[in-house]
C-alpha atoms as a PDB file:
ATOM      1  CA  MET A   1      32.449 -30.553-168.879  1.00  0.00           C
ATOM      2  CA  GLY A   2      30.109 -31.004-165.942  1.00  0.00           C
ATOM      3  CA  ASP A   3      26.878 -32.928-165.731  1.00  0.00           C
ATOM      4  CA  LYS A   4      23.868 -31.600-167.573  1.00  0.00           C
ATOM      5  CA  LYS A   5      20.449 -31.647-165.984  1.00  0.00           C
ATOM      6  CA  THR A   6      17.122 -30.708-167.493  1.00  0.00           C
ATOM      7  CA  ASP A   7      13.909 -29.668-165.823  1.00  0.00           C
ATOM      8  CA  THR A   8      10.666 -28.206-167.018  1.00  0.00           C
ATOM      9  CA  ASP A   9       9.742 -24.538-167.189  1.00  0.00           C
ATOM     10  CA  GLN A  10      10.958 -22.942-163.946  1.00  0.00           C
ATOM     11  CA  PRO A  11      11.391 -23.896-160.314  1.00  0.00           C
ATOM     12  CA  ASN A  12       8.112 -24.285-158.482  1.00  0.00           C
ATOM     13  CA  GLY A  13       8.788 -26.644-155.660  1.00  0.00           C
ATOM     14  CA  ASP A  14       9.291 -29.806-157.627  1.00  0.00           C
ATOM     15  CA  GLY A  15      12.315 -30.239-159.781  1.00  0.00           C
ATOM     16  CA  LEU A  16      14.360 -27.894-157.610  1.00  0.00           C
ATOM     17  CA  VAL A  17      18.105 -28.232-157.972  1.00  0.00           C
ATOM     18  CA  ASP A  18      20.602 -27.064-155.368  1.00  0.00           C
ATOM     19  CA  PRO A  19      22.115 -23.694-156.357  1.00  0.00           C
ATOM     20  CA  SER A  20      25.580 -25.251-156.170  1.00  0.00           C
ATOM     21  CA  VAL A  21      24.759 -26.763-159.579  1.00  0.00           C
ATOM     22  CA  TYR A  22      25.264 -23.299-161.012  1.00  0.00           C
ATOM     23  CA  ARG A  23      28.749 -23.135-159.484  1.00  0.00           C
ATOM     24  CA  SER A  24      29.827 -26.765-159.948  1.00  0.00           C
ATOM     25  CA  GLY A  25      30.516 -26.806-163.665  1.00  0.00           C
ATOM     26  CA  SER A  26      27.180 -28.516-164.244  1.00  0.00           C
ATOM     27  CA  PHE A  27      24.484 -27.035-166.412  1.00  0.00           C
ATOM     28  CA  LEU A  28      20.801 -26.683-165.697  1.00  0.00           C
ATOM     29  CA  TYR A  29      18.461 -26.285-168.647  1.00  0.00           C
ATOM     30  CA  PHE A  30      14.784 -25.460-168.352  1.00  0.00           C
ATOM     31  CA  VAL A  31      13.037 -27.157-171.253  1.00  0.00           C
ATOM     32  CA  GLU A  32       9.375 -27.432-172.191  1.00  0.00           C
ATOM     33  CA  PRO A  33       8.040 -30.748-170.791  1.00  0.00           C
ATOM     34  CA  GLU A  34       7.274 -32.252-174.195  1.00  0.00           C
ATOM     35  CA  LYS A  35      10.860 -31.572-175.341  1.00  0.00           C
ATOM     36  CA  VAL A  36      12.754 -33.005-172.346  1.00  0.00           C
ATOM     37  CA  ALA A  37      13.030 -36.611-173.622  1.00  0.00           C
ATOM     38  CA  GLU A  38      14.466 -35.501-176.970  1.00  0.00           C
ATOM     39  CA  PHE A  39      16.696 -32.869-175.342  1.00  0.00           C
ATOM     40  CA  GLN A  40      18.257 -35.318-172.890  1.00  0.00           C
ATOM     41  CA  ILE A  41      19.152 -37.682-175.745  1.00  0.00           C
ATOM     42  CA  LYS A  42      20.532 -34.886-177.915  1.00  0.00           C
ATOM     43  CA  LYS A  43      22.588 -33.241-175.156  1.00  0.00           C
ATOM     44  CA  GLY A  44      23.436 -36.269-173.006  1.00  0.00           C
ATOM     45  CA  ALA A  45      21.484 -34.656-170.192  1.00  0.00           C
ATOM     46  CA  ILE A  46      19.487 -36.140-167.320  1.00  0.00           C
ATOM     47  CA  GLY A  47      15.822 -35.176-167.520  1.00  0.00           C
ATOM     48  CA  PHE A  48      13.554 -34.510-164.552  1.00  0.00           C
ATOM     49  CA  ASP A  49       9.811 -34.154-164.055  1.00  0.00           C
ATOM     50  CA  ALA A  50       8.672 -34.629-167.637  1.00  0.00           C
ATOM     51  CA  PRO A  51       7.309 -37.440-169.815  1.00  0.00           C
ATOM     52  CA  GLY A  52      10.163 -39.614-171.110  1.00  0.00           C
ATOM     53  CA  ALA A  53      12.684 -38.062-168.718  1.00  0.00           C
ATOM     54  CA  THR A  54      15.269 -40.183-166.923  1.00  0.00           C
ATOM     55  CA  TYR A  55      13.471 -39.199-163.731  1.00  0.00           C
ATOM     56  CA  PRO A  56       9.823 -38.574-164.697  1.00  0.00           C
ATOM     57  CA  HIS A  57       7.443 -36.741-162.397  1.00  0.00           C
ATOM     58  CA  LYS A  58       5.995 -40.146-161.435  1.00  0.00           C
ATOM     59  CA  ASP A  59       7.816 -43.347-162.339  1.00  0.00           C
ATOM     60  CA  GLU A  60       6.496 -46.890-162.851  1.00  0.00           C
ATOM     61  CA  LYS A  61       6.920 -47.564-159.109  1.00  0.00           C
ATOM     62  CA  GLY A  62       4.759 -44.542-158.223  1.00  0.00           C
ATOM     63  CA  ARG A  63       7.732 -42.524-156.940  1.00  0.00           C
ATOM     64  CA  CYS A  64       8.284 -38.833-157.554  1.00  0.00           C
ATOM     65  CA  SER A  65      11.596 -37.900-159.187  1.00  0.00           C
ATOM     66  CA  PHE A  66      13.156 -36.864-155.860  1.00  0.00           C
ATOM     67  CA  GLU A  67      12.208 -40.164-154.288  1.00  0.00           C
ATOM     68  CA  ALA A  68      13.766 -42.090-157.200  1.00  0.00           C
ATOM     69  CA  LEU A  69      16.985 -40.071-156.863  1.00  0.00           C
ATOM     70  CA  VAL A  70      17.179 -40.722-153.114  1.00  0.00           C
ATOM     71  CA  ASP A  71      16.524 -44.445-153.644  1.00  0.00           C
ATOM     72  CA  GLN A  72      19.302 -44.590-156.232  1.00  0.00           C
ATOM     73  CA  TYR A  73      21.992 -42.400-154.665  1.00  0.00           C
ATOM     74  CA  PHE A  74      21.249 -42.225-150.911  1.00  0.00           C
ATOM     75  CA  PRO A  75      19.368 -45.411-149.977  1.00  0.00           C
ATOM     76  CA  ASP A  76      20.888 -45.541-146.482  1.00  0.00           C
ATOM     77  CA  ASP A  77      20.092 -41.935-145.502  1.00  0.00           C
ATOM     78  CA  MET A  78      16.917 -42.367-143.472  1.00  0.00           C
ATOM     79  CA  VAL A  79      16.387 -38.608-143.167  1.00  0.00           C
ATOM     80  CA  LEU A  80      16.454 -38.138-146.954  1.00  0.00           C
ATOM     81  CA  ARG A  81      14.148 -41.122-147.332  1.00  0.00           C
ATOM     82  CA  GLU A  82      11.643 -39.437-144.990  1.00  0.00           C
ATOM     83  CA  ILE A  83      11.944 -36.162-146.921  1.00  0.00           C
ATOM     84  CA  ALA A  84      11.353 -38.136-150.124  1.00  0.00           C
ATOM     85  CA  ARG A  85       8.048 -39.414-148.652  1.00  0.00           C
ATOM     86  CA  ILE A  86       7.094 -35.852-147.705  1.00  0.00           C
ATOM     87  CA  VAL A  87       7.922 -34.640-151.215  1.00  0.00           C
ATOM     88  CA  ARG A  88       5.926 -37.485-152.800  1.00  0.00           C
ATOM     89  CA  GLY A  89       2.909 -36.510-150.710  1.00  0.00           C
ATOM     90  CA  ALA A  90       3.364 -32.877-151.736  1.00  0.00           C
ATOM     91  CA  ASP A  91       3.854 -33.745-155.420  1.00  0.00           C
ATOM     92  CA  PHE A  92       0.798 -35.940-155.854  1.00  0.00           C
ATOM     93  CA  PRO A  93      -2.527 -34.483-154.663  1.00  0.00           C
ATOM     94  CA  GLU A  94      -3.981 -37.966-154.161  1.00  0.00           C
ATOM     95  CA  GLU A  95      -1.148 -38.643-151.646  1.00  0.00           C
ATOM     96  CA  ILE A  96      -1.286 -35.302-149.782  1.00  0.00           C
ATOM     97  CA  ASN A  97      -2.006 -37.129-146.496  1.00  0.00           C
ATOM     98  CA  LEU A  98       1.007 -39.444-146.841  1.00  0.00           C
ATOM     99  CA  THR A  99       2.838 -37.442-144.150  1.00  0.00           C
ATOM    100  CA  PRO A 100       1.786 -34.597-141.850  1.00  0.00           C
ATOM    101  CA  GLU A 101       4.313 -32.296-143.551  1.00  0.00           C
ATOM    102  CA  SER A 102       3.251 -32.921-147.170  1.00  0.00           C
ATOM    103  CA  ALA A 103       0.365 -30.427-147.309  1.00  0.00           C
ATOM    104  CA  GLY A 104       2.503 -27.653-145.821  1.00  0.00           C
ATOM    105  CA  LEU A 105       5.368 -28.334-148.206  1.00  0.00           C
ATOM    106  CA  ARG A 106       2.955 -28.290-151.146  1.00  0.00           C
ATOM    107  CA  ALA A 107       1.463 -24.948-150.091  1.00  0.00           C
ATOM    108  CA  ILE A 108       4.870 -23.351-149.531  1.00  0.00           C
ATOM    109  CA  SER A 109       6.316 -24.712-152.778  1.00  0.00           C
ATOM    110  CA  GLN A 110       3.373 -23.483-154.831  1.00  0.00           C
ATOM    111  CA  GLY A 111       3.988 -20.011-153.425  1.00  0.00           C
ATOM    112  CA  PHE A 112       7.643 -19.769-154.501  1.00  0.00           C
ATOM    113  CA  THR A 113       6.971 -18.279-157.930  1.00  0.00           C
ATOM    114  CA  LEU A 114       4.064 -16.214-156.624  1.00  0.00           C
ATOM    115  CA  VAL A 115       6.415 -14.097-154.505  1.00  0.00           C
ATOM    116  CA  GLU A 116       9.605 -14.191-156.575  1.00  0.00           C
ATOM    117  CA  ASP A 117      10.546 -14.606-160.224  1.00  0.00           C
ATOM    118  CA  ASP A 118      14.335 -14.851-159.857  1.00  0.00           C
ATOM    119  CA  ASP A 119      15.164 -18.552-160.271  1.00  0.00           C
ATOM    120  CA  LEU A 120      18.455 -18.425-158.373  1.00  0.00           C
ATOM    121  CA  PHE A 121      16.830 -16.594-155.440  1.00  0.00           C
ATOM    122  CA  ILE A 122      14.074 -19.215-155.331  1.00  0.00           C
ATOM    123  CA  LEU A 123      16.601 -22.049-155.446  1.00  0.00           C
ATOM    124  CA  GLN A 124      18.704 -20.543-152.669  1.00  0.00           C
ATOM    125  CA  ASN A 125      15.714 -20.047-150.421  1.00  0.00           C
ATOM    126  CA  ALA A 126      14.251 -23.448-151.212  1.00  0.00           C
ATOM    127  CA  THR A 127      17.618 -24.963-150.297  1.00  0.00           C
ATOM    128  CA  PHE A 128      17.374 -23.255-146.904  1.00  0.00           C
ATOM    129  CA  LEU A 129      13.861 -24.658-146.468  1.00  0.00           C
ATOM    130  CA  TYR A 130      14.936 -28.213-147.319  1.00  0.00           C
ATOM    131  CA  ASN A 131      18.060 -27.960-145.147  1.00  0.00           C
ATOM    132  CA  ALA A 132      15.864 -26.856-142.232  1.00  0.00           C
ATOM    133  CA  LEU A 133      13.491 -29.765-142.889  1.00  0.00           C
ATOM    134  CA  TYR A 134      16.452 -32.165-142.972  1.00  0.00           C
ATOM    135  CA  ALA A 135      17.788 -30.795-139.659  1.00  0.00           C
ATOM    136  CA  SER A 136      14.355 -31.019-138.032  1.00  0.00           C
ATOM    137  CA  ILE A 137      13.790 -34.635-139.060  1.00  0.00           C
ATOM    138  CA  LYS A 138      17.326 -35.597-138.065  1.00  0.00           C
ATOM    139  CA  SER A 139      16.906 -33.967-134.633  1.00  0.00           C
ATOM    140  CA  ARG A 140      13.551 -35.661-134.123  1.00  0.00           C
ATOM    141  CA  ALA A 141      15.099 -39.061-134.964  1.00  0.00           C
ATOM    142  CA  GLU A 142      18.056 -38.497-132.640  1.00  0.00           C
ATOM    143  CA  ASN A 143      15.780 -37.533-129.743  1.00  0.00           C
ATOM    144  CA  LYS A 144      13.549 -40.622-129.942  1.00  0.00           C
END
């Protein structure tokens, strides 16, 4: 059996999971925020973006869940680390000026569910957006 991941409600810019999760043998469950901690214990899942989750929306170090994941699994990928800063700025209104890209990412992400209600479609298109952001930051770093 594949990994199990939990997230709250529906995709909306934070808590997005690559669509390959659906094809990888892993499971993605959308659970009400107040039920994530209990659900992850019961199902052996990894919770995201909810109180008591393995990766809460904001951890004790002030990181968003994406930033914590990058720190844990990809600490040497400087492009992902920069994206993690952008995402943190987009996730937390008080940090919107953390990077020049954060406000734009926040605005775009908040619009996902306003223009589409198909979760897989949103995830596929958000993946394109994040891949483009990755390529742009990587190119900028290589051309310095």
